[in-house]
Amino acid sequence: MLVWLKEGLRKFMAHKQEPSTAMSMAELEGISINGKVAEIAYAHAERRLIDLLDSKAAFENKAAILVGAYTTLTLALFGGAWTLFEKPGFNGVAGGMLLCGVDFAIGAFCFAMAFRQKEYGLLGVDPELWLRSGVIDGADSVVGDNLAYIARFYEARIAISLKSNMSKAWWIELGIWLSVASPLAFIYPVICVHRLCRPYHLYLS
């Protein structure tokens, strides 16, 4: 589990530090832009940003379902543990249910963390980009230039949105992995209580 967490964090930080190879605004302004290429770049950048925003909604829908399920399981396990603690001979099972409930409670917390407010890029641009002298009344080539500039804006917005989505995915995946460990959380107290309550002479046989 710790190895997986370290590897996930390493990949997240490595992606975060990747430099962009896209041209800057100053570089774009200093070249002759091909209008058809600019249209293709704009279409792909817009599609990529839409995909990331759709992924954001999918992550949050999944987290909402899981946090509800995990919260229900947590309450059920805590209630069962409370009931069994009052019955003799069931302390190990009650302790296992209690620890398992704690595991699911932490998982629910992880899913809730996926709802933290994160920064995402917007699809639209300010009308000011188009409603300027030399643009609104400019030649047809101005359209290609502006689409290239918008694609460049999208590049930064895509990077921000991708980082936010990776954070959501990380928390959701962590919560799921915690549920995988829940059987161990249940079995450990059962075994410990069983060994403590076992008559001493049985260990000598």
C-alpha atoms as a PDB file:
ATOM      1  CA  MET A   1       0.000   0.000   0.000  1.00  0.00           C
ATOM      2  CA  LEU A   2       2.749   2.473   0.919  1.00  0.00           C
ATOM      3  CA  VAL A   3       4.643   1.595  -2.255  1.00  0.00           C
ATOM      4  CA  TRP A   4       1.531   2.307  -4.328  1.00  0.00           C
ATOM      5  CA  LEU A   5       0.989   5.660  -2.590  1.00  0.00           C
ATOM      6  CA  LYS A   6       4.591   6.712  -3.154  1.00  0.00           C
ATOM      7  CA  GLU A   7       4.455   5.681  -6.826  1.00  0.00           C
ATOM      8  CA  GLY A   8       1.196   7.576  -7.375  1.00  0.00           C
ATOM      9  CA  LEU A   9       2.607  10.696  -5.739  1.00  0.00           C
ATOM     10  CA  ARG A  10       5.806  10.417  -7.786  1.00  0.00           C
ATOM     11  CA  LYS A  11       3.860  10.209 -11.056  1.00  0.00           C
ATOM     12  CA  PHE A  12       1.670  13.131 -10.004  1.00  0.00           C
ATOM     13  CA  MET A  13       4.654  15.336  -9.208  1.00  0.00           C
ATOM     14  CA  ALA A  14       6.506  14.248 -12.377  1.00  0.00           C
ATOM     15  CA  HIS A  15       3.533  15.241 -14.530  1.00  0.00           C
ATOM     16  CA  LYS A  16       3.206  18.509 -12.653  1.00  0.00           C
ATOM     17  CA  GLN A  17       6.808  19.414 -13.469  1.00  0.00           C
ATOM     18  CA  GLU A  18       6.651  18.586 -17.195  1.00  0.00           C
ATOM     19  CA  PRO A  19       7.470  21.731 -19.198  1.00  0.00           C
ATOM     20  CA  SER A  20       5.161  22.817 -22.005  1.00  0.00           C
ATOM     21  CA  THR A  21       6.489  22.617 -25.575  1.00  0.00           C
ATOM     22  CA  ALA A  22       3.809  24.974 -26.949  1.00  0.00           C
ATOM     23  CA  MET A  23       4.867  28.319 -28.361  1.00  0.00           C
ATOM     24  CA  SER A  24       4.311  31.339 -26.166  1.00  0.00           C
ATOM     25  CA  MET A  25       2.008  34.211 -27.104  1.00  0.00           C
ATOM     26  CA  ALA A  26       5.014  36.363 -27.975  1.00  0.00           C
ATOM     27  CA  GLU A  27       6.341  33.659 -30.300  1.00  0.00           C
ATOM     28  CA  LEU A  28       2.949  33.230 -31.981  1.00  0.00           C
ATOM     29  CA  GLU A  29       2.680  36.958 -32.583  1.00  0.00           C
ATOM     30  CA  GLY A  30       6.059  36.924 -34.315  1.00  0.00           C
ATOM     31  CA  ILE A  31       5.229  34.312 -36.966  1.00  0.00           C
ATOM     32  CA  SER A  32       2.867  33.951 -39.919  1.00  0.00           C
ATOM     33  CA  ILE A  33       0.069  31.673 -38.728  1.00  0.00           C
ATOM     34  CA  ASN A  34      -1.534  29.160 -41.080  1.00  0.00           C
ATOM     35  CA  GLY A  35      -5.275  29.647 -40.682  1.00  0.00           C
ATOM     36  CA  LYS A  36      -6.219  26.030 -41.439  1.00  0.00           C
ATOM     37  CA  VAL A  37      -3.696  24.677 -38.941  1.00  0.00           C
ATOM     38  CA  ALA A  38      -4.960  27.182 -36.367  1.00  0.00           C
ATOM     39  CA  GLU A  39      -8.524  25.907 -36.849  1.00  0.00           C
ATOM     40  CA  ILE A  40      -7.388  22.314 -36.314  1.00  0.00           C
ATOM     41  CA  ALA A  41      -5.365  23.279 -33.231  1.00  0.00           C
ATOM     42  CA  TYR A  42      -8.334  25.180 -31.815  1.00  0.00           C
ATOM     43  CA  ALA A  43     -10.738  22.276 -32.432  1.00  0.00           C
ATOM     44  CA  HIS A  44      -8.447  19.744 -30.758  1.00  0.00           C
ATOM     45  CA  ALA A  45      -7.710  22.021 -27.798  1.00  0.00           C
ATOM     46  CA  GLU A  46     -11.413  22.684 -27.273  1.00  0.00           C
ATOM     47  CA  ARG A  47     -12.217  18.961 -27.513  1.00  0.00           C
ATOM     48  CA  ARG A  48      -9.484  18.143 -25.002  1.00  0.00           C
ATOM     49  CA  LEU A  49     -10.771  20.697 -22.507  1.00  0.00           C
ATOM     50  CA  ILE A  50     -14.342  19.429 -22.932  1.00  0.00           C
ATOM     51  CA  ASP A  51     -13.121  15.875 -22.258  1.00  0.00           C
ATOM     52  CA  LEU A  52     -11.429  17.011 -19.047  1.00  0.00           C
ATOM     53  CA  LEU A  53     -14.545  18.834 -17.860  1.00  0.00           C
ATOM     54  CA  ASP A  54     -16.617  15.717 -18.627  1.00  0.00           C
ATOM     55  CA  SER A  55     -14.104  13.647 -16.640  1.00  0.00           C
ATOM     56  CA  LYS A  56     -14.495  16.068 -13.723  1.00  0.00           C
ATOM     57  CA  ALA A  57     -18.248  15.437 -13.682  1.00  0.00           C
ATOM     58  CA  ALA A  58     -17.698  11.664 -13.951  1.00  0.00           C
ATOM     59  CA  PHE A  59     -15.214  11.677 -11.047  1.00  0.00           C
ATOM     60  CA  GLU A  60     -17.581  13.657  -8.842  1.00  0.00           C
ATOM     61  CA  ASN A  61     -20.558  11.429  -9.710  1.00  0.00           C
ATOM     62  CA  LYS A  62     -18.514   8.337  -8.838  1.00  0.00           C
ATOM     63  CA  ALA A  63     -17.321   9.935  -5.593  1.00  0.00           C
ATOM     64  CA  ALA A  64     -20.891  10.870  -4.643  1.00  0.00           C
ATOM     65  CA  ILE A  65     -22.071   7.264  -5.091  1.00  0.00           C
ATOM     66  CA  LEU A  66     -19.124   5.816  -3.213  1.00  0.00           C
ATOM     67  CA  VAL A  67     -19.233   8.251  -0.295  1.00  0.00           C
ATOM     68  CA  GLY A  68     -22.906   7.397   0.228  1.00  0.00           C
ATOM     69  CA  ALA A  69     -22.246   3.649   0.090  1.00  0.00           C
ATOM     70  CA  TYR A  70     -19.217   3.829   2.379  1.00  0.00           C
ATOM     71  CA  THR A  71     -21.053   6.007   4.904  1.00  0.00           C
ATOM     72  CA  THR A  72     -23.918   3.510   5.014  1.00  0.00           C
ATOM     73  CA  LEU A  73     -21.496   0.614   5.522  1.00  0.00           C
ATOM     74  CA  THR A  74     -19.681   2.539   8.251  1.00  0.00           C
ATOM     75  CA  LEU A  75     -22.885   3.150  10.203  1.00  0.00           C
ATOM     76  CA  ALA A  76     -23.972  -0.464   9.774  1.00  0.00           C
ATOM     77  CA  LEU A  77     -20.624  -1.800  10.986  1.00  0.00           C
ATOM     78  CA  PHE A  78     -20.504   0.559  13.965  1.00  0.00           C
ATOM     79  CA  GLY A  79     -24.067  -0.404  14.911  1.00  0.00           C
ATOM     80  CA  GLY A  80     -23.282  -4.112  14.603  1.00  0.00           C
ATOM     81  CA  ALA A  81     -20.126  -3.727  16.668  1.00  0.00           C
ATOM     82  CA  TRP A  82     -22.020  -1.892  19.406  1.00  0.00           C
ATOM     83  CA  THR A  83     -24.594  -4.681  19.550  1.00  0.00           C
ATOM     84  CA  LEU A  84     -22.030  -7.499  19.638  1.00  0.00           C
ATOM     85  CA  PHE A  85     -19.897  -5.848  22.318  1.00  0.00           C
ATOM     86  CA  GLU A  86     -22.765  -6.446  24.742  1.00  0.00           C
ATOM     87  CA  LYS A  87     -22.786 -10.183  23.999  1.00  0.00           C
ATOM     88  CA  PRO A  88     -20.204 -12.473  25.639  1.00  0.00           C
ATOM     89  CA  GLY A  89     -17.864 -14.308  23.309  1.00  0.00           C
ATOM     90  CA  PHE A  90     -18.244 -11.873  20.437  1.00  0.00           C
ATOM     91  CA  ASN A  91     -15.646  -9.256  21.391  1.00  0.00           C
ATOM     92  CA  GLY A  92     -13.313 -10.312  18.587  1.00  0.00           C
ATOM     93  CA  VAL A  93     -16.013 -10.058  15.923  1.00  0.00           C
ATOM     94  CA  ALA A  94     -17.187  -6.742  17.365  1.00  0.00           C
ATOM     95  CA  GLY A  95     -13.636  -5.397  17.316  1.00  0.00           C
ATOM     96  CA  GLY A  96     -13.231  -6.538  13.726  1.00  0.00           C
ATOM     97  CA  MET A  97     -16.451  -4.816  12.686  1.00  0.00           C
ATOM     98  CA  LEU A  98     -15.386  -1.653  14.511  1.00  0.00           C
ATOM     99  CA  LEU A  99     -11.981  -1.554  12.828  1.00  0.00           C
ATOM    100  CA  CYS A 100     -13.536  -2.371   9.473  1.00  0.00           C
ATOM    101  CA  GLY A 101     -15.980   0.488   9.999  1.00  0.00           C
ATOM    102  CA  VAL A 102     -13.089   2.844  10.682  1.00  0.00           C
ATOM    103  CA  ASP A 103     -11.509   1.681   7.418  1.00  0.00           C
ATOM    104  CA  PHE A 104     -14.666   2.475   5.455  1.00  0.00           C
ATOM    105  CA  ALA A 105     -15.027   5.812   7.271  1.00  0.00           C
ATOM    106  CA  ILE A 106     -11.542   6.819   6.118  1.00  0.00           C
ATOM    107  CA  GLY A 107     -12.478   5.676   2.603  1.00  0.00           C
ATOM    108  CA  ALA A 108     -15.595   7.876   2.705  1.00  0.00           C
ATOM    109  CA  PHE A 109     -13.400  10.793   3.774  1.00  0.00           C
ATOM    110  CA  CYS A 110     -11.139  10.160   0.754  1.00  0.00           C
ATOM    111  CA  PHE A 111     -14.133  10.263  -1.602  1.00  0.00           C
ATOM    112  CA  ALA A 112     -15.331  13.469   0.031  1.00  0.00           C
ATOM    113  CA  MET A 113     -11.905  15.002  -0.656  1.00  0.00           C
ATOM    114  CA  ALA A 114     -12.623  14.564  -4.381  1.00  0.00           C
ATOM    115  CA  PHE A 115     -15.223  17.330  -4.015  1.00  0.00           C
ATOM    116  CA  ARG A 116     -12.696  19.927  -2.908  1.00  0.00           C
ATOM    117  CA  GLN A 117     -12.872  23.130  -4.893  1.00  0.00           C
ATOM    118  CA  LYS A 118     -10.309  22.912  -7.690  1.00  0.00           C
ATOM    119  CA  GLU A 119      -9.379  25.269 -10.496  1.00  0.00           C
ATOM    120  CA  TYR A 120     -10.608  24.379 -13.981  1.00  0.00           C
ATOM    121  CA  GLY A 121     -10.251  26.068 -17.337  1.00  0.00           C
ATOM    122  CA  LEU A 122     -13.236  27.738 -18.979  1.00  0.00           C
ATOM    123  CA  LEU A 123     -14.343  26.909 -22.513  1.00  0.00           C
ATOM    124  CA  GLY A 124     -15.259  30.446 -23.485  1.00  0.00           C
ATOM    125  CA  VAL A 125     -13.046  33.497 -23.982  1.00  0.00           C
ATOM    126  CA  ASP A 126     -13.681  37.145 -23.262  1.00  0.00           C
ATOM    127  CA  PRO A 127     -15.503  38.950 -26.102  1.00  0.00           C
ATOM    128  CA  GLU A 128     -12.725  41.557 -25.881  1.00  0.00           C
ATOM    129  CA  LEU A 129     -10.489  39.172 -27.824  1.00  0.00           C
ATOM    130  CA  TRP A 130     -12.714  39.573 -30.885  1.00  0.00           C
ATOM    131  CA  LEU A 131     -14.263  43.014 -30.371  1.00  0.00           C
ATOM    132  CA  ARG A 132     -11.102  45.003 -30.971  1.00  0.00           C
ATOM    133  CA  SER A 133     -10.076  47.354 -33.679  1.00  0.00           C
ATOM    134  CA  GLY A 134      -8.077  45.488 -36.278  1.00  0.00           C
ATOM    135  CA  VAL A 135      -9.827  42.229 -35.404  1.00  0.00           C
ATOM    136  CA  ILE A 136     -13.566  42.775 -35.749  1.00  0.00           C
ATOM    137  CA  ASP A 137     -12.923  44.874 -38.836  1.00  0.00           C
ATOM    138  CA  GLY A 138      -9.774  43.041 -39.953  1.00  0.00           C
ATOM    139  CA  ALA A 139      -8.969  40.667 -42.791  1.00  0.00           C
ATOM    140  CA  ASP A 140      -9.953  36.989 -42.885  1.00  0.00           C
ATOM    141  CA  SER A 141      -6.457  36.015 -41.754  1.00  0.00           C
ATOM    142  CA  VAL A 142      -7.189  37.577 -38.362  1.00  0.00           C
ATOM    143  CA  VAL A 143      -9.590  34.710 -37.612  1.00  0.00           C
ATOM    144  CA  GLY A 144      -6.787  32.171 -37.898  1.00  0.00           C
ATOM    145  CA  ASP A 145      -4.525  34.299 -35.722  1.00  0.00           C
ATOM    146  CA  ASN A 146      -7.134  34.593 -32.986  1.00  0.00           C
ATOM    147  CA  LEU A 147      -7.921  30.880 -33.084  1.00  0.00           C
ATOM    148  CA  ALA A 148      -4.233  30.160 -32.581  1.00  0.00           C
ATOM    149  CA  TYR A 149      -4.166  32.529 -29.600  1.00  0.00           C
ATOM    150  CA  ILE A 150      -7.262  30.868 -28.117  1.00  0.00           C
ATOM    151  CA  ALA A 151      -5.680  27.434 -28.608  1.00  0.00           C
ATOM    152  CA  ARG A 152      -2.688  28.745 -26.661  1.00  0.00           C
ATOM    153  CA  PHE A 153      -4.990  29.927 -23.878  1.00  0.00           C
ATOM    154  CA  TYR A 154      -6.602  26.488 -23.858  1.00  0.00           C
ATOM    155  CA  GLU A 155      -3.198  24.848 -23.463  1.00  0.00           C
ATOM    156  CA  ALA A 156      -2.782  26.512 -20.067  1.00  0.00           C
ATOM    157  CA  ARG A 157      -6.378  25.761 -19.095  1.00  0.00           C
ATOM    158  CA  ILE A 158      -5.952  22.115 -20.074  1.00  0.00           C
ATOM    159  CA  ALA A 159      -2.882  21.809 -17.825  1.00  0.00           C
ATOM    160  CA  ILE A 160      -4.794  23.289 -14.867  1.00  0.00           C
ATOM    161  CA  SER A 161      -7.832  21.040 -15.454  1.00  0.00           C
ATOM    162  CA  LEU A 162      -5.691  17.918 -15.859  1.00  0.00           C
ATOM    163  CA  LYS A 163      -3.909  18.595 -12.572  1.00  0.00           C
ATOM    164  CA  SER A 164      -7.248  19.001 -10.790  1.00  0.00           C
ATOM    165  CA  ASN A 165      -8.632  15.791 -12.306  1.00  0.00           C
ATOM    166  CA  MET A 166      -5.536  13.848 -11.285  1.00  0.00           C
ATOM    167  CA  SER A 167      -6.052  14.986  -7.706  1.00  0.00           C
ATOM    168  CA  LYS A 168      -9.673  13.796  -7.757  1.00  0.00           C
ATOM    169  CA  ALA A 169      -8.695  10.453  -9.289  1.00  0.00           C
ATOM    170  CA  TRP A 170      -5.967   9.972  -6.682  1.00  0.00           C
ATOM    171  CA  TRP A 171      -8.353  10.426  -3.755  1.00  0.00           C
ATOM    172  CA  ILE A 172     -10.964   8.122  -5.289  1.00  0.00           C
ATOM    173  CA  GLU A 173      -8.410   5.416  -5.994  1.00  0.00           C
ATOM    174  CA  LEU A 174      -7.048   5.692  -2.449  1.00  0.00           C
ATOM    175  CA  GLY A 175     -10.533   5.218  -1.004  1.00  0.00           C
ATOM    176  CA  ILE A 176     -11.098   2.138  -3.162  1.00  0.00           C
ATOM    177  CA  TRP A 177      -7.785   0.602  -2.097  1.00  0.00           C
ATOM    178  CA  LEU A 178      -8.717   1.137   1.540  1.00  0.00           C
ATOM    179  CA  SER A 179     -11.816  -1.004   1.009  1.00  0.00           C
ATOM    180  CA  VAL A 180      -9.568  -3.772  -0.333  1.00  0.00           C
ATOM    181  CA  ALA A 181      -7.780  -3.751   3.040  1.00  0.00           C
ATOM    182  CA  SER A 182     -11.058  -4.014   5.005  1.00  0.00           C
ATOM    183  CA  PRO A 183     -10.968  -7.854   5.294  1.00  0.00           C
ATOM    184  CA  LEU A 184      -7.598  -7.575   7.039  1.00  0.00           C
ATOM    185  CA  ALA A 185      -9.022  -4.907   9.330  1.00  0.00           C
ATOM    186  CA  PHE A 186     -11.813  -7.308  10.249  1.00  0.00           C
ATOM    187  CA  ILE A 187      -9.730 -10.458  10.687  1.00  0.00           C
ATOM    188  CA  TYR A 188      -6.918  -8.963  12.796  1.00  0.00           C
ATOM    189  CA  PRO A 189      -8.967  -8.229  15.977  1.00  0.00           C
ATOM    190  CA  VAL A 190     -10.756 -11.580  15.657  1.00  0.00           C
ATOM    191  CA  ILE A 191      -7.430 -13.453  15.617  1.00  0.00           C
ATOM    192  CA  CYS A 192      -5.979 -11.369  18.451  1.00  0.00           C
ATOM    193  CA  VAL A 193      -8.968 -11.939  20.751  1.00  0.00           C
ATOM    194  CA  HIS A 194      -9.048 -15.621  19.872  1.00  0.00           C
ATOM    195  CA  ARG A 195      -5.400 -16.055  20.809  1.00  0.00           C
ATOM    196  CA  LEU A 196      -5.773 -14.084  24.047  1.00  0.00           C
ATOM    197  CA  CYS A 197      -8.815 -16.063  25.133  1.00  0.00           C
ATOM    198  CA  ARG A 198      -7.397 -19.482  24.228  1.00  0.00           C
ATOM    199  CA  PRO A 199      -6.587 -21.596  27.289  1.00  0.00           C
ATOM    200  CA  TYR A 200      -2.861 -21.580  28.084  1.00  0.00           C
ATOM    201  CA  HIS A 201      -2.526 -25.399  28.240  1.00  0.00           C
ATOM    202  CA  LEU A 202      -3.536 -25.652  24.545  1.00  0.00           C
ATOM    203  CA  TYR A 203      -0.364 -23.780  23.534  1.00  0.00           C
ATOM    204  CA  LEU A 204       1.734 -26.424  25.332  1.00  0.00           C
ATOM    205  CA  SER A 205       0.157 -29.367  23.530  1.00  0.00           C
END
